[in-house]
Amino acid sequence: MISKETLFALSLFPYLGFLWFISRSQEMPRLALYGFYGTLVFVGVTIPAGIYAQVHYGASLANIDWLHGGAEVFLTLSNILIVIGFRQAVQQLKTKN
């Protein structure tokens, strides 16, 4: 059986492929693109935070509220950028028609 850590690491490859394709799209709103890239920042923050939680507290990241919340801020910011980017794109399309 594949561990969740291995599955998490393997899931980065399709996501990187997704980023590669949307980066080349002229129709992808730039702000939304930055949000999708921000998800990688979230992953980059979550991994060391999880290691720190395990080493210093002997618990998973989800059980250390201040670390978990701090890491989730990056995901929240990424999601906000994605939503605002697509909202702006929809508004621009409405004004063109």
C-alpha atoms as a PDB file:
ATOM      1  CA  MET A   1       0.000   0.000   0.000  1.00  0.00           C
ATOM      2  CA  ILE A   2       1.244   3.474  -0.878  1.00  0.00           C
ATOM      3  CA  SER A   3       1.752   5.780   2.094  1.00  0.00           C
ATOM      4  CA  LYS A   4       0.001   9.143   2.193  1.00  0.00           C
ATOM      5  CA  GLU A   5       3.379  10.878   2.123  1.00  0.00           C
ATOM      6  CA  THR A   6       4.355   9.068  -1.078  1.00  0.00           C
ATOM      7  CA  LEU A   7       0.993   9.819  -2.645  1.00  0.00           C
ATOM      8  CA  PHE A   8       1.357  13.479  -1.668  1.00  0.00           C
ATOM      9  CA  ALA A   9       4.808  13.668  -3.269  1.00  0.00           C
ATOM     10  CA  LEU A  10       3.597  11.939  -6.434  1.00  0.00           C
ATOM     11  CA  SER A  11       0.634  14.310  -6.713  1.00  0.00           C
ATOM     12  CA  LEU A  12       3.038  17.200  -7.286  1.00  0.00           C
ATOM     13  CA  PHE A  13       3.923  15.933 -10.770  1.00  0.00           C
ATOM     14  CA  PRO A  14       0.415  16.229 -12.263  1.00  0.00           C
ATOM     15  CA  TYR A  15       0.036  19.611 -10.566  1.00  0.00           C
ATOM     16  CA  LEU A  16       3.304  20.830 -12.077  1.00  0.00           C
ATOM     17  CA  GLY A  17       2.015  19.661 -15.459  1.00  0.00           C
ATOM     18  CA  PHE A  18      -1.205  21.576 -14.856  1.00  0.00           C
ATOM     19  CA  LEU A  19       0.797  24.711 -14.038  1.00  0.00           C
ATOM     20  CA  TRP A  20       2.906  24.253 -17.143  1.00  0.00           C
ATOM     21  CA  PHE A  21      -0.162  24.094 -19.393  1.00  0.00           C
ATOM     22  CA  ILE A  22      -2.078  26.968 -17.813  1.00  0.00           C
ATOM     23  CA  SER A  23       1.045  29.143 -17.849  1.00  0.00           C
ATOM     24  CA  ARG A  24       1.014  28.928 -21.625  1.00  0.00           C
ATOM     25  CA  SER A  25      -2.664  29.778 -21.965  1.00  0.00           C
ATOM     26  CA  GLN A  26      -3.383  33.315 -23.067  1.00  0.00           C
ATOM     27  CA  GLU A  27      -6.860  33.067 -21.552  1.00  0.00           C
ATOM     28  CA  MET A  28      -5.779  32.233 -18.006  1.00  0.00           C
ATOM     29  CA  PRO A  29      -6.237  35.284 -15.781  1.00  0.00           C
ATOM     30  CA  ARG A  30      -2.820  36.302 -14.444  1.00  0.00           C
ATOM     31  CA  LEU A  31      -4.054  36.794 -10.880  1.00  0.00           C
ATOM     32  CA  ALA A  32      -5.590  33.312 -10.883  1.00  0.00           C
ATOM     33  CA  LEU A  33      -2.335  31.917 -12.259  1.00  0.00           C
ATOM     34  CA  TYR A  34      -0.452  33.519  -9.374  1.00  0.00           C
ATOM     35  CA  GLY A  35      -2.930  31.889  -7.027  1.00  0.00           C
ATOM     36  CA  PHE A  36      -2.295  28.464  -8.532  1.00  0.00           C
ATOM     37  CA  TYR A  37       1.432  29.020  -8.136  1.00  0.00           C
ATOM     38  CA  GLY A  38       0.768  30.146  -4.576  1.00  0.00           C
ATOM     39  CA  THR A  39      -0.470  26.656  -3.870  1.00  0.00           C
ATOM     40  CA  LEU A  40       3.112  25.509  -4.370  1.00  0.00           C
ATOM     41  CA  VAL A  41       4.157  28.041  -1.741  1.00  0.00           C
ATOM     42  CA  PHE A  42       1.598  26.461   0.572  1.00  0.00           C
ATOM     43  CA  VAL A  43       3.120  23.040  -0.062  1.00  0.00           C
ATOM     44  CA  GLY A  44       6.606  24.451   0.446  1.00  0.00           C
ATOM     45  CA  VAL A  45       5.574  25.868   3.816  1.00  0.00           C
ATOM     46  CA  THR A  46       3.544  22.860   4.914  1.00  0.00           C
ATOM     47  CA  ILE A  47       6.322  20.298   4.514  1.00  0.00           C
ATOM     48  CA  PRO A  48       8.843  21.961   6.869  1.00  0.00           C
ATOM     49  CA  ALA A  49       6.030  22.898   9.261  1.00  0.00           C
ATOM     50  CA  GLY A  50       4.976  19.250   9.388  1.00  0.00           C
ATOM     51  CA  ILE A  51       8.537  18.139  10.045  1.00  0.00           C
ATOM     52  CA  TYR A  52       8.881  20.757  12.794  1.00  0.00           C
ATOM     53  CA  ALA A  53       5.625  19.600  14.390  1.00  0.00           C
ATOM     54  CA  GLN A  54       6.797  15.997  14.367  1.00  0.00           C
ATOM     55  CA  VAL A  55      10.294  16.718  15.690  1.00  0.00           C
ATOM     56  CA  HIS A  56       9.457  19.299  18.358  1.00  0.00           C
ATOM     57  CA  TYR A  57       5.986  18.209  19.433  1.00  0.00           C
ATOM     58  CA  GLY A  58       5.844  14.557  18.446  1.00  0.00           C
ATOM     59  CA  ALA A  59       2.538  15.214  16.687  1.00  0.00           C
ATOM     60  CA  SER A  60       1.242  15.748  13.193  1.00  0.00           C
ATOM     61  CA  LEU A  61       0.886  19.237  11.803  1.00  0.00           C
ATOM     62  CA  ALA A  62      -2.906  19.050  12.025  1.00  0.00           C
ATOM     63  CA  ASN A  63      -2.645  18.737  15.808  1.00  0.00           C
ATOM     64  CA  ILE A  64      -0.497  21.851  16.356  1.00  0.00           C
ATOM     65  CA  ASP A  65      -2.938  24.698  15.834  1.00  0.00           C
ATOM     66  CA  TRP A  66      -0.548  27.615  15.521  1.00  0.00           C
ATOM     67  CA  LEU A  67       1.619  25.824  12.951  1.00  0.00           C
ATOM     68  CA  HIS A  68      -1.312  24.407  11.055  1.00  0.00           C
ATOM     69  CA  GLY A  69      -3.086  27.768  10.941  1.00  0.00           C
ATOM     70  CA  GLY A  70       0.083  29.506   9.833  1.00  0.00           C
ATOM     71  CA  ALA A  71       0.519  27.079   6.965  1.00  0.00           C
ATOM     72  CA  GLU A  72      -3.145  27.304   5.969  1.00  0.00           C
ATOM     73  CA  VAL A  73      -2.834  31.082   5.581  1.00  0.00           C
ATOM     74  CA  PHE A  74      -0.849  30.452   2.396  1.00  0.00           C
ATOM     75  CA  LEU A  75      -3.577  28.207   1.002  1.00  0.00           C
ATOM     76  CA  THR A  76      -6.225  30.783   1.882  1.00  0.00           C
ATOM     77  CA  LEU A  77      -4.288  33.556   0.136  1.00  0.00           C
ATOM     78  CA  SER A  78      -3.821  31.356  -2.922  1.00  0.00           C
ATOM     79  CA  ASN A  79      -7.533  30.610  -3.068  1.00  0.00           C
ATOM     80  CA  ILE A  80      -8.393  34.295  -2.740  1.00  0.00           C
ATOM     81  CA  LEU A  81      -6.112  35.145  -5.668  1.00  0.00           C
ATOM     82  CA  ILE A  82      -7.708  32.421  -7.795  1.00  0.00           C
ATOM     83  CA  VAL A  83     -11.239  33.609  -7.041  1.00  0.00           C
ATOM     84  CA  ILE A  84     -10.456  37.285  -7.604  1.00  0.00           C
ATOM     85  CA  GLY A  85      -8.604  36.481 -10.831  1.00  0.00           C
ATOM     86  CA  PHE A  86     -11.513  34.508 -12.294  1.00  0.00           C
ATOM     87  CA  ARG A  87     -14.022  37.081 -11.030  1.00  0.00           C
ATOM     88  CA  GLN A  88     -12.162  39.839 -12.845  1.00  0.00           C
ATOM     89  CA  ALA A  89     -12.065  37.722 -16.008  1.00  0.00           C
ATOM     90  CA  VAL A  90     -15.815  37.117 -15.865  1.00  0.00           C
ATOM     91  CA  GLN A  91     -16.465  40.816 -15.323  1.00  0.00           C
ATOM     92  CA  GLN A  92     -14.273  41.703 -18.295  1.00  0.00           C
ATOM     93  CA  LEU A  93     -16.177  39.262 -20.494  1.00  0.00           C
ATOM     94  CA  LYS A  94     -19.490  40.759 -19.383  1.00  0.00           C
ATOM     95  CA  THR A  95     -18.356  44.281 -20.259  1.00  0.00           C
ATOM     96  CA  LYS A  96     -17.196  43.162 -23.723  1.00  0.00           C
ATOM     97  CA  ASN A  97     -20.628  41.731 -24.558  1.00  0.00           C
END
